């Protein structure tokens, strides 16, 4: 019984180690692929803060959408609608405060 209890966790650990190494390999592969693509983008993003960074993130979203052949226009529309809604809300709040 004791030997069996010793063997089982060992086997489990072995399996886990194999799986982990496979996962690590896959991650490494993904990293190498991604690094080449991101270099130029990173060079663009060096000094960007606040609003610019938000915009940049949005551009990235659109770029991703294009990659998936989605409708990047929709993302654009969403953003503009959101910003308009935000400004409208601010306006309404200001009016309420004025009263």
Protein backbone atom coordinates (compact mmCIF):
# COMPACT_ATOMS: atom_id res chain seq x y z
CA UNK A 1 0.00 0.00 0.00
CA UNK A 2 2.80 2.38 0.95
CA UNK A 3 4.71 1.74 -2.27
CA UNK A 4 1.56 2.42 -4.30
CA UNK A 5 0.98 5.67 -2.45
CA UNK A 6 4.60 6.60 -3.24
CA UNK A 7 4.31 5.76 -6.92
CA UNK A 8 1.05 7.56 -7.67
CA UNK A 9 2.08 11.11 -6.74
CA UNK A 10 5.39 10.52 -8.52
CA UNK A 11 3.57 9.65 -11.72
CA UNK A 12 1.31 12.64 -11.31
CA UNK A 13 4.31 14.91 -10.80
CA UNK A 14 5.97 13.45 -13.88
CA UNK A 15 2.87 14.06 -15.97
CA UNK A 16 2.57 17.58 -14.63
CA UNK A 17 6.21 18.29 -15.45
CA UNK A 18 5.75 17.06 -19.02
CA UNK A 19 2.64 19.16 -19.43
CA UNK A 20 4.37 22.21 -17.98
CA UNK A 21 7.36 21.86 -20.28
CA UNK A 22 4.99 21.59 -23.25
CA UNK A 23 3.14 24.68 -22.11
CA UNK A 24 6.41 26.55 -21.62
CA UNK A 25 7.55 25.59 -25.11
CA UNK A 26 4.30 26.81 -26.59
CA UNK A 27 4.56 30.09 -24.67
CA UNK A 28 8.13 30.57 -25.86
CA UNK A 29 7.08 29.96 -29.44
CA UNK A 30 4.29 32.50 -29.08
CA UNK A 31 6.70 35.00 -27.53
CA UNK A 32 9.18 34.75 -30.40
CA UNK A 33 6.39 35.24 -32.91
CA UNK A 34 4.95 38.18 -31.04
CA UNK A 35 8.24 39.95 -30.32
CA UNK A 36 8.99 40.54 -33.99
CA UNK A 37 5.59 42.09 -34.56
CA UNK A 38 5.59 44.24 -31.46
CA UNK A 39 8.99 45.89 -31.86
CA UNK A 40 7.87 48.63 -34.20
CA UNK A 41 4.71 49.22 -32.21
CA UNK A 42 6.70 49.47 -29.00
CA UNK A 43 8.99 52.04 -30.58
CA UNK A 44 5.87 54.11 -31.26
CA UNK A 45 4.54 53.71 -27.73
CA UNK A 46 7.59 54.93 -25.85
CA UNK A 47 6.33 58.30 -24.62
CA UNK A 48 2.59 58.08 -24.45
CA UNK A 49 0.52 58.76 -21.39
CA UNK A 50 -3.13 59.08 -20.49
CA UNK A 51 -5.37 59.88 -23.41
CA UNK A 52 -2.76 59.00 -25.99
CA UNK A 53 -2.26 55.60 -24.49
CA UNK A 54 -6.01 54.99 -24.48
CA UNK A 55 -6.17 55.96 -28.11
CA UNK A 56 -3.23 53.72 -28.83
CA UNK A 57 -4.92 50.80 -27.13
CA UNK A 58 -7.94 51.52 -29.27
CA UNK A 59 -5.84 51.54 -32.43
CA UNK A 60 -4.45 48.19 -31.35
CA UNK A 61 -8.01 46.91 -30.98
CA UNK A 62 -8.81 48.03 -34.50
CA UNK A 63 -5.63 46.46 -35.81
CA UNK A 64 -6.59 43.20 -34.14
CA UNK A 65 -10.07 43.43 -35.63
CA UNK A 66 -8.54 43.89 -39.07
CA UNK A 67 -6.38 40.85 -38.51
CA UNK A 68 -9.50 38.82 -37.81
CA UNK A 69 -11.26 40.40 -40.80
CA UNK A 70 -13.82 41.86 -38.44
CA UNK A 71 -15.38 45.26 -38.97
CA UNK A 72 -12.87 47.80 -37.67
CA UNK A 73 -15.35 50.55 -38.51
CA UNK A 74 -17.62 49.19 -35.82
CA UNK A 75 -14.92 49.55 -33.17
CA UNK A 76 -14.29 53.09 -34.39
CA UNK A 77 -18.00 53.89 -34.20
CA UNK A 78 -18.21 52.43 -30.71
CA UNK A 79 -15.39 54.64 -29.54
CA UNK A 80 -16.88 57.82 -30.99
CA UNK A 81 -20.30 57.01 -29.58
CA UNK A 82 -18.79 56.35 -26.17
CA UNK A 83 -16.89 59.62 -26.14
CA UNK A 84 -19.98 61.54 -27.27
CA UNK A 85 -22.07 59.89 -24.58
CA UNK A 86 -19.45 60.80 -22.02
CA UNK A 87 -19.40 64.47 -23.04
CA UNK A 88 -23.20 64.55 -23.05
CA UNK A 89 -23.31 63.06 -19.57
CA UNK A 90 -20.81 65.66 -18.37
CA UNK A 91 -22.96 68.41 -19.88
CA UNK A 92 -26.12 67.11 -18.24
CA UNK A 93 -24.35 66.85 -14.88
CA UNK A 94 -23.10 70.42 -15.23
CA UNK A 95 -26.64 71.62 -16.00
CA UNK A 96 -27.98 69.80 -12.94
CA UNK A 97 -25.29 71.38 -10.79
CA UNK A 98 -26.08 74.84 -12.23
CA UNK A 99 -29.71 74.46 -11.21
